[in-house]
Amino acid sequence: MSYQVFIKSAAQRQLKKLTLATQKDIIALIESLSEEPRPSGCKKLKQRQNQYRVRSGDYRIIYSIEDISLIVRVVKVGHRRDVYEE
């Protein structure tokens, strides 16, 4: 049972701004979400409906999970100091 992973266009733009090495690490982590959408270390975000975050060094990936349709949507990618701002 594998999930489909979609990356929003805003998250794709944020990802392209990062260094190549950081991009590779984050892309590998995003791809692993298709097999395990709630890996060890992921946290449910408070006051955000059905959103989670996972860490990759100083960077965070914010995503939502739709268990019924087996979809993971990456909403935001960014440095930990900026990613939680609305």
PDB file of N, CA and C in Angstrom:
ATOM      1  N   MET A   1       0.853  -1.183   0.000  1.00  0.00           N
ATOM      2  CA  MET A   1       0.000   0.000   0.000  1.00  0.00           C
ATOM      3  C   MET A   1       0.888   1.232   0.000  1.00  0.00           C
ATOM      4  N   SER A   2       1.020   1.854  -1.140  1.00  0.00           N
ATOM      5  CA  SER A   2       1.905   2.994  -1.264  1.00  0.00           C
ATOM      6  C   SER A   2       1.100   4.256  -1.565  1.00  0.00           C
ATOM      7  N   TYR A   3       1.548   5.356  -1.011  1.00  0.00           N
ATOM      8  CA  TYR A   3       0.876   6.637  -1.179  1.00  0.00           C
ATOM      9  C   TYR A   3       1.444   7.349  -2.411  1.00  0.00           C
ATOM     10  N   GLN A   4       0.621   8.169  -3.038  1.00  0.00           N
ATOM     11  CA  GLN A   4       1.101   9.042  -4.105  1.00  0.00           C
ATOM     12  C   GLN A   4       1.557  10.336  -3.464  1.00  0.00           C
ATOM     13  N   VAL A   5       2.685  10.866  -3.905  1.00  0.00           N
ATOM     14  CA  VAL A   5       3.224  12.102  -3.339  1.00  0.00           C
ATOM     15  C   VAL A   5       3.107  13.205  -4.380  1.00  0.00           C
ATOM     16  N   PHE A   6       2.470  14.309  -3.982  1.00  0.00           N
ATOM     17  CA  PHE A   6       2.349  15.487  -4.824  1.00  0.00           C
ATOM     18  C   PHE A   6       3.047  16.645  -4.125  1.00  0.00           C
ATOM     19  N   ILE A   7       3.779  17.432  -4.907  1.00  0.00           N
ATOM     20  CA  ILE A   7       4.468  18.597  -4.360  1.00  0.00           C
ATOM     21  C   ILE A   7       3.825  19.837  -4.960  1.00  0.00           C
ATOM     22  N   LYS A   8       3.298  20.701  -4.096  1.00  0.00           N
ATOM     23  CA  LYS A   8       2.672  21.927  -4.589  1.00  0.00           C
ATOM     24  C   LYS A   8       3.712  22.791  -5.286  1.00  0.00           C
ATOM     25  N   SER A   9       3.264  23.623  -6.210  1.00  0.00           N
ATOM     26  CA  SER A   9       4.195  24.443  -6.994  1.00  0.00           C
ATOM     27  C   SER A   9       4.993  25.396  -6.107  1.00  0.00           C
ATOM     28  N   ALA A  10       4.381  25.924  -5.045  1.00  0.00           N
ATOM     29  CA  ALA A  10       5.108  26.809  -4.132  1.00  0.00           C
ATOM     30  C   ALA A  10       6.242  26.047  -3.445  1.00  0.00           C
ATOM     31  N   ALA A  11       5.986  24.814  -3.056  1.00  0.00           N
ATOM     32  CA  ALA A  11       7.021  23.996  -2.417  1.00  0.00           C
ATOM     33  C   ALA A  11       8.126  23.655  -3.417  1.00  0.00           C
ATOM     34  N   GLN A  12       7.777  23.452  -4.680  1.00  0.00           N
ATOM     35  CA  GLN A  12       8.790  23.193  -5.708  1.00  0.00           C
ATOM     36  C   GLN A  12       9.701  24.399  -5.889  1.00  0.00           C
ATOM     37  N   ARG A  13       9.117  25.590  -5.879  1.00  0.00           N
ATOM     38  CA  ARG A  13       9.926  26.807  -5.997  1.00  0.00           C
ATOM     39  C   ARG A  13      10.854  26.958  -4.797  1.00  0.00           C
ATOM     40  N   GLN A  14      10.334  26.680  -3.595  1.00  0.00           N
ATOM     41  CA  GLN A  14      11.155  26.772  -2.389  1.00  0.00           C
ATOM     42  C   GLN A  14      12.298  25.769  -2.444  1.00  0.00           C
ATOM     43  N   LEU A  15      12.027  24.589  -2.949  1.00  0.00           N
ATOM     44  CA  LEU A  15      13.035  23.533  -3.040  1.00  0.00           C
ATOM     45  C   LEU A  15      14.144  23.919  -4.018  1.00  0.00           C
ATOM     46  N   LYS A  16      13.796  24.551  -5.135  1.00  0.00           N
ATOM     47  CA  LYS A  16      14.786  24.931  -6.140  1.00  0.00           C
ATOM     48  C   LYS A  16      15.760  25.991  -5.638  1.00  0.00           C
ATOM     49  N   LYS A  17      15.382  26.744  -4.616  1.00  0.00           N
ATOM     50  CA  LYS A  17      16.253  27.788  -4.075  1.00  0.00           C
ATOM     51  C   LYS A  17      17.365  27.224  -3.193  1.00  0.00           C
ATOM     52  N   LEU A  18      17.261  25.964  -2.798  1.00  0.00           N
ATOM     53  CA  LEU A  18      18.224  25.366  -1.882  1.00  0.00           C
ATOM     54  C   LEU A  18      19.439  24.842  -2.643  1.00  0.00           C
ATOM     55  N   THR A  19      20.516  24.555  -1.906  1.00  0.00           N
ATOM     56  CA  THR A  19      21.714  24.006  -2.530  1.00  0.00           C
ATOM     57  C   THR A  19      21.410  22.613  -3.078  1.00  0.00           C
ATOM     58  N   LEU A  20      22.224  22.170  -4.014  1.00  0.00           N
ATOM     59  CA  LEU A  20      21.991  20.886  -4.669  1.00  0.00           C
ATOM     60  C   LEU A  20      22.049  19.724  -3.679  1.00  0.00           C
ATOM     61  N   ALA A  21      23.000  19.763  -2.750  1.00  0.00           N
ATOM     62  CA  ALA A  21      23.123  18.688  -1.759  1.00  0.00           C
ATOM     63  C   ALA A  21      21.892  18.637  -0.856  1.00  0.00           C
ATOM     64  N   THR A  22      21.416  19.802  -0.445  1.00  0.00           N
ATOM     65  CA  THR A  22      20.222  19.863   0.399  1.00  0.00           C
ATOM     66  C   THR A  22      19.001  19.386  -0.370  1.00  0.00           C
ATOM     67  N   GLN A  23      18.912  19.759  -1.647  1.00  0.00           N
ATOM     68  CA  GLN A  23      17.799  19.310  -2.489  1.00  0.00           C
ATOM     69  C   GLN A  23      17.756  17.791  -2.563  1.00  0.00           C
ATOM     70  N   LYS A  24      18.906  17.166  -2.757  1.00  0.00           N
ATOM     71  CA  LYS A  24      18.953  15.706  -2.869  1.00  0.00           C
ATOM     72  C   LYS A  24      18.465  15.038  -1.591  1.00  0.00           C
ATOM     73  N   ASP A  25      18.898  15.560  -0.429  1.00  0.00           N
ATOM     74  CA  ASP A  25      18.473  14.993   0.850  1.00  0.00           C
ATOM     75  C   ASP A  25      16.961  15.126   1.029  1.00  0.00           C
ATOM     76  N   ILE A  26      16.440  16.296   0.706  1.00  0.00           N
ATOM     77  CA  ILE A  26      15.013  16.551   0.903  1.00  0.00           C
ATOM     78  C   ILE A  26      14.179  15.735  -0.087  1.00  0.00           C
ATOM     79  N   ILE A  27      14.632  15.625  -1.320  1.00  0.00           N
ATOM     80  CA  ILE A  27      13.892  14.835  -2.314  1.00  0.00           C
ATOM     81  C   ILE A  27      13.847  13.367  -1.909  1.00  0.00           C
ATOM     82  N   ALA A  28      14.959  12.854  -1.386  1.00  0.00           N
ATOM     83  CA  ALA A  28      14.978  11.464  -0.918  1.00  0.00           C
ATOM     84  C   ALA A  28      13.986  11.270   0.223  1.00  0.00           C
ATOM     85  N   LEU A  29      13.915  12.244   1.119  1.00  0.00           N
ATOM     86  CA  LEU A  29      12.977  12.161   2.236  1.00  0.00           C
ATOM     87  C   LEU A  29      11.534  12.241   1.745  1.00  0.00           C
ATOM     88  N   ILE A  30      11.282  13.117   0.786  1.00  0.00           N
ATOM     89  CA  ILE A  30       9.927  13.242   0.233  1.00  0.00           C
ATOM     90  C   ILE A  30       9.512  11.940  -0.452  1.00  0.00           C
ATOM     91  N   GLU A  31      10.423  11.334  -1.202  1.00  0.00           N
ATOM     92  CA  GLU A  31      10.101  10.074  -1.873  1.00  0.00           C
ATOM     93  C   GLU A  31       9.820   8.959  -0.869  1.00  0.00           C
ATOM     94  N   SER A  32      10.497   8.990   0.269  1.00  0.00           N
ATOM     95  CA  SER A  32      10.268   7.949   1.279  1.00  0.00           C
ATOM     96  C   SER A  32       8.895   8.085   1.928  1.00  0.00           C
ATOM     97  N   LEU A  33       8.280   9.271   1.834  1.00  0.00           N
ATOM     98  CA  LEU A  33       6.940   9.461   2.397  1.00  0.00           C
ATOM     99  C   LEU A  33       5.898   8.612   1.671  1.00  0.00           C
ATOM    100  N   SER A  34       6.194   8.187   0.452  1.00  0.00           N
ATOM    101  CA  SER A  34       5.227   7.357  -0.273  1.00  0.00           C
ATOM    102  C   SER A  34       5.087   5.986   0.387  1.00  0.00           C
ATOM    103  N   GLU A  35       6.140   5.488   0.991  1.00  0.00           N
ATOM    104  CA  GLU A  35       6.088   4.192   1.678  1.00  0.00           C
ATOM    105  C   GLU A  35       5.659   4.328   3.136  1.00  0.00           C
ATOM    106  N   GLU A  36       6.151   5.368   3.802  1.00  0.00           N
ATOM    107  CA  GLU A  36       5.828   5.580   5.224  1.00  0.00           C
ATOM    108  C   GLU A  36       5.518   7.057   5.428  1.00  0.00           C
ATOM    109  N   PRO A  37       4.228   7.448   5.363  1.00  0.00           N
ATOM    110  CA  PRO A  37       3.887   8.866   5.481  1.00  0.00           C
ATOM    111  C   PRO A  37       4.065   9.427   6.892  1.00  0.00           C
ATOM    112  N   ARG A  38       4.200   8.565   7.860  1.00  0.00           N
ATOM    113  CA  ARG A  38       4.427   9.019   9.241  1.00  0.00           C
ATOM    114  C   ARG A  38       5.707   8.356   9.780  1.00  0.00           C
ATOM    115  N   PRO A  39       6.875   8.761   9.245  1.00  0.00           N
ATOM    116  CA  PRO A  39       8.129   8.135   9.681  1.00  0.00           C
ATOM    117  C   PRO A  39       8.461   8.535  11.117  1.00  0.00           C
ATOM    118  N   SER A  40       9.405   7.844  11.716  1.00  0.00           N
ATOM    119  CA  SER A  40       9.799   8.230  13.069  1.00  0.00           C
ATOM    120  C   SER A  40      10.386   9.631  12.998  1.00  0.00           C
ATOM    121  N   GLY A  41      10.017  10.449  13.948  1.00  0.00           N
ATOM    122  CA  GLY A  41      10.481  11.831  13.961  1.00  0.00           C
ATOM    123  C   GLY A  41       9.501  12.821  13.368  1.00  0.00           C
ATOM    124  N   CYS A  42       8.450  12.347  12.718  1.00  0.00           N
ATOM    125  CA  CYS A  42       7.471  13.287  12.176  1.00  0.00           C
ATOM    126  C   CYS A  42       6.578  13.761  13.312  1.00  0.00           C
ATOM    127  N   LYS A  43       6.090  14.976  13.193  1.00  0.00           N
ATOM    128  CA  LYS A  43       5.230  15.543  14.226  1.00  0.00           C
ATOM    129  C   LYS A  43       3.972  16.104  13.583  1.00  0.00           C
ATOM    130  N   LYS A  44       2.860  15.927  14.268  1.00  0.00           N
ATOM    131  CA  LYS A  44       1.594  16.531  13.862  1.00  0.00           C
ATOM    132  C   LYS A  44       1.654  17.990  14.278  1.00  0.00           C
ATOM    133  N   LEU A  45       1.331  18.891  13.361  1.00  0.00           N
ATOM    134  CA  LEU A  45       1.378  20.317  13.675  1.00  0.00           C
ATOM    135  C   LEU A  45       0.104  20.737  14.390  1.00  0.00           C
ATOM    136  N   LYS A  46       0.284  21.461  15.469  1.00  0.00           N
ATOM    137  CA  LYS A  46      -0.865  21.949  16.230  1.00  0.00           C
ATOM    138  C   LYS A  46      -1.543  23.070  15.470  1.00  0.00           C
ATOM    139  N   GLN A  47      -2.835  23.174  15.620  1.00  0.00           N
ATOM    140  CA  GLN A  47      -3.672  24.205  15.022  1.00  0.00           C
ATOM    141  C   GLN A  47      -3.637  24.206  13.496  1.00  0.00           C
ATOM    142  N   ARG A  48      -3.192  23.113  12.898  1.00  0.00           N
ATOM    143  CA  ARG A  48      -3.260  22.948  11.447  1.00  0.00           C
ATOM    144  C   ARG A  48      -3.894  21.603  11.191  1.00  0.00           C
ATOM    145  N   GLN A  49      -4.953  21.605  10.442  1.00  0.00           N
ATOM    146  CA  GLN A  49      -5.713  20.387  10.223  1.00  0.00           C
ATOM    147  C   GLN A  49      -4.933  19.413   9.348  1.00  0.00           C
ATOM    148  N   ASN A  50      -4.655  18.259   9.894  1.00  0.00           N
ATOM    149  CA  ASN A  50      -4.074  17.147   9.148  1.00  0.00           C
ATOM    150  C   ASN A  50      -2.727  17.471   8.512  1.00  0.00           C
ATOM    151  N   GLN A  51      -1.912  18.339   9.155  1.00  0.00           N
ATOM    152  CA  GLN A  51      -0.590  18.644   8.617  1.00  0.00           C
ATOM    153  C   GLN A  51       0.493  18.112   9.545  1.00  0.00           C
ATOM    154  N   TYR A  52       1.569  17.666   8.935  1.00  0.00           N
ATOM    155  CA  TYR A  52       2.694  17.086   9.652  1.00  0.00           C
ATOM    156  C   TYR A  52       3.968  17.768   9.185  1.00  0.00           C
ATOM    157  N   ARG A  53       5.029  17.583   9.962  1.00  0.00           N
ATOM    158  CA  ARG A  53       6.332  18.071   9.541  1.00  0.00           C
ATOM    159  C   ARG A  53       7.369  17.003   9.810  1.00  0.00           C
ATOM    160  N   VAL A  54       8.380  16.996   8.953  1.00  0.00           N
ATOM    161  CA  VAL A  54       9.497  16.082   9.116  1.00  0.00           C
ATOM    162  C   VAL A  54      10.767  16.904   8.898  1.00  0.00           C
ATOM    163  N   ARG A  55      11.828  16.544   9.612  1.00  0.00           N
ATOM    164  CA  ARG A  55      13.064  17.304   9.579  1.00  0.00           C
ATOM    165  C   ARG A  55      14.087  16.684   8.633  1.00  0.00           C
ATOM    166  N   SER A  56      14.874  17.569   8.033  1.00  0.00           N
ATOM    167  CA  SER A  56      16.049  17.164   7.264  1.00  0.00           C
ATOM    168  C   SER A  56      17.118  18.202   7.572  1.00  0.00           C
ATOM    169  N   GLY A  57      17.911  17.957   8.597  1.00  0.00           N
ATOM    170  CA  GLY A  57      18.901  18.935   9.045  1.00  0.00           C
ATOM    171  C   GLY A  57      18.206  20.170   9.579  1.00  0.00           C
ATOM    172  N   ASP A  58      18.576  21.334   9.053  1.00  0.00           N
ATOM    173  CA  ASP A  58      17.949  22.588   9.475  1.00  0.00           C
ATOM    174  C   ASP A  58      16.685  22.904   8.669  1.00  0.00           C
ATOM    175  N   TYR A  59      16.300  22.011   7.801  1.00  0.00           N
ATOM    176  CA  TYR A  59      15.148  22.241   6.931  1.00  0.00           C
ATOM    177  C   TYR A  59      13.963  21.396   7.354  1.00  0.00           C
ATOM    178  N   ARG A  60      12.774  21.893   7.037  1.00  0.00           N
ATOM    179  CA  ARG A  60      11.541  21.205   7.399  1.00  0.00           C
ATOM    180  C   ARG A  60      10.688  21.015   6.151  1.00  0.00           C
ATOM    181  N   ILE A  61       9.957  19.908   6.147  1.00  0.00           N
ATOM    182  CA  ILE A  61       9.004  19.615   5.079  1.00  0.00           C
ATOM    183  C   ILE A  61       7.631  19.562   5.742  1.00  0.00           C
ATOM    184  N   ILE A  62       6.737  20.432   5.316  1.00  0.00           N
ATOM    185  CA  ILE A  62       5.371  20.463   5.829  1.00  0.00           C
ATOM    186  C   ILE A  62       4.490  19.758   4.800  1.00  0.00           C
ATOM    187  N   TYR A  63       3.703  18.798   5.254  1.00  0.00           N
ATOM    188  CA  TYR A  63       2.876  18.036   4.318  1.00  0.00           C
ATOM    189  C   TYR A  63       1.590  17.595   4.981  1.00  0.00           C
ATOM    190  N   SER A  64       0.622  17.246   4.146  1.00  0.00           N
ATOM    191  CA  SER A  64      -0.652  16.725   4.635  1.00  0.00           C
ATOM    192  C   SER A  64      -0.827  15.305   4.114  1.00  0.00           C
ATOM    193  N   ILE A  65      -1.602  14.525   4.861  1.00  0.00           N
ATOM    194  CA  ILE A  65      -1.834  13.129   4.505  1.00  0.00           C
ATOM    195  C   ILE A  65      -3.335  12.908   4.338  1.00  0.00           C
ATOM    196  N   GLU A  66      -3.706  12.300   3.220  1.00  0.00           N
ATOM    197  CA  GLU A  66      -5.097  11.899   2.990  1.00  0.00           C
ATOM    198  C   GLU A  66      -5.103  10.374   2.963  1.00  0.00           C
ATOM    199  N   ASP A  67      -5.439   9.766   4.100  1.00  0.00           N
ATOM    200  CA  ASP A  67      -5.372   8.311   4.223  1.00  0.00           C
ATOM    201  C   ASP A  67      -6.404   7.584   3.364  1.00  0.00           C
ATOM    202  N   ILE A  68      -7.557   8.183   3.175  1.00  0.00           N
ATOM    203  CA  ILE A  68      -8.620   7.517   2.412  1.00  0.00           C
ATOM    204  C   ILE A  68      -8.207   7.356   0.947  1.00  0.00           C
ATOM    205  N   SER A  69      -7.619   8.408   0.368  1.00  0.00           N
ATOM    206  CA  SER A  69      -7.229   8.335  -1.044  1.00  0.00           C
ATOM    207  C   SER A  69      -5.741   8.034  -1.236  1.00  0.00           C
ATOM    208  N   LEU A  70      -5.005   7.774  -0.136  1.00  0.00           N
ATOM    209  CA  LEU A  70      -3.581   7.426  -0.174  1.00  0.00           C
ATOM    210  C   LEU A  70      -2.748   8.485  -0.892  1.00  0.00           C
ATOM    211  N   ILE A  71      -2.882   9.736  -0.416  1.00  0.00           N
ATOM    212  CA  ILE A  71      -2.163  10.855  -1.024  1.00  0.00           C
ATOM    213  C   ILE A  71      -1.400  11.618   0.051  1.00  0.00           C
ATOM    214  N   VAL A  72      -0.162  11.990  -0.271  1.00  0.00           N
ATOM    215  CA  VAL A  72       0.645  12.882   0.557  1.00  0.00           C
ATOM    216  C   VAL A  72       0.890  14.133  -0.273  1.00  0.00           C
ATOM    217  N   ARG A  73       0.545  15.309   0.279  1.00  0.00           N
ATOM    218  CA  ARG A  73       0.758  16.576  -0.430  1.00  0.00           C
ATOM    219  C   ARG A  73       1.787  17.402   0.327  1.00  0.00           C
ATOM    220  N   VAL A  74       2.912  17.679  -0.315  1.00  0.00           N
ATOM    221  CA  VAL A  74       3.945  18.516   0.279  1.00  0.00           C
ATOM    222  C   VAL A  74       3.530  19.963   0.071  1.00  0.00           C
ATOM    223  N   VAL A  75       3.361  20.688   1.181  1.00  0.00           N
ATOM    224  CA  VAL A  75       2.846  22.043   1.133  1.00  0.00           C
ATOM    225  C   VAL A  75       3.974  23.072   1.145  1.00  0.00           C
ATOM    226  N   LYS A  76       4.990  22.830   1.993  1.00  0.00           N
ATOM    227  CA  LYS A  76       6.064  23.800   2.165  1.00  0.00           C
ATOM    228  C   LYS A  76       7.376  23.100   2.413  1.00  0.00           C
ATOM    229  N   VAL A  77       8.452  23.699   1.933  1.00  0.00           N
ATOM    230  CA  VAL A  77       9.810  23.233   2.206  1.00  0.00           C
ATOM    231  C   VAL A  77      10.618  24.476   2.532  1.00  0.00           C
ATOM    232  N   GLY A  78      11.353  24.445   3.652  1.00  0.00           N
ATOM    233  CA  GLY A  78      12.161  25.618   3.971  1.00  0.00           C
ATOM    234  C   GLY A  78      12.961  25.459   5.230  1.00  0.00           C
ATOM    235  N   HIS A  79      13.741  26.498   5.505  1.00  0.00           N
ATOM    236  CA  HIS A  79      14.571  26.520   6.701  1.00  0.00           C
ATOM    237  C   HIS A  79      13.671  26.608   7.923  1.00  0.00           C
ATOM    238  N   ARG A  80      14.115  26.044   9.014  1.00  0.00           N
ATOM    239  CA  ARG A  80      13.274  25.955  10.207  1.00  0.00           C
ATOM    240  C   ARG A  80      12.846  27.311  10.742  1.00  0.00           C
ATOM    241  N   ARG A  81      13.636  28.367  10.500  1.00  0.00           N
ATOM    242  CA  ARG A  81      13.258  29.688  11.018  1.00  0.00           C
ATOM    243  C   ARG A  81      12.135  30.324  10.210  1.00  0.00           C
ATOM    244  N   ASP A  82      11.928  29.864   8.958  1.00  0.00           N
ATOM    245  CA  ASP A  82      10.958  30.520   8.075  1.00  0.00           C
ATOM    246  C   ASP A  82       9.728  29.669   7.768  1.00  0.00           C
ATOM    247  N   VAL A  83       9.832  28.371   7.878  1.00  0.00           N
ATOM    248  CA  VAL A  83       8.825  27.498   7.293  1.00  0.00           C
ATOM    249  C   VAL A  83       7.481  27.535   8.010  1.00  0.00           C
ATOM    250  N   TYR A  84       7.448  27.928   9.272  1.00  0.00           N
ATOM    251  CA  TYR A  84       6.192  27.889  10.017  1.00  0.00           C
ATOM    252  C   TYR A  84       5.368  29.163   9.864  1.00  0.00           C
ATOM    253  N   GLU A  85       5.934  30.189   9.224  1.00  0.00           N
ATOM    254  CA  GLU A  85       5.199  31.436   9.031  1.00  0.00           C
ATOM    255  C   GLU A  85       4.094  31.236   8.007  1.00  0.00           C
ATOM    256  N   GLU A  86       2.970  31.842   8.244  1.00  0.00           N
ATOM    257  CA  GLU A  86       1.826  31.701   7.328  1.00  0.00           C
ATOM    258  C   GLU A  86       1.928  32.637   6.172  1.00  0.00           C
TER     259      GLU A  86
END
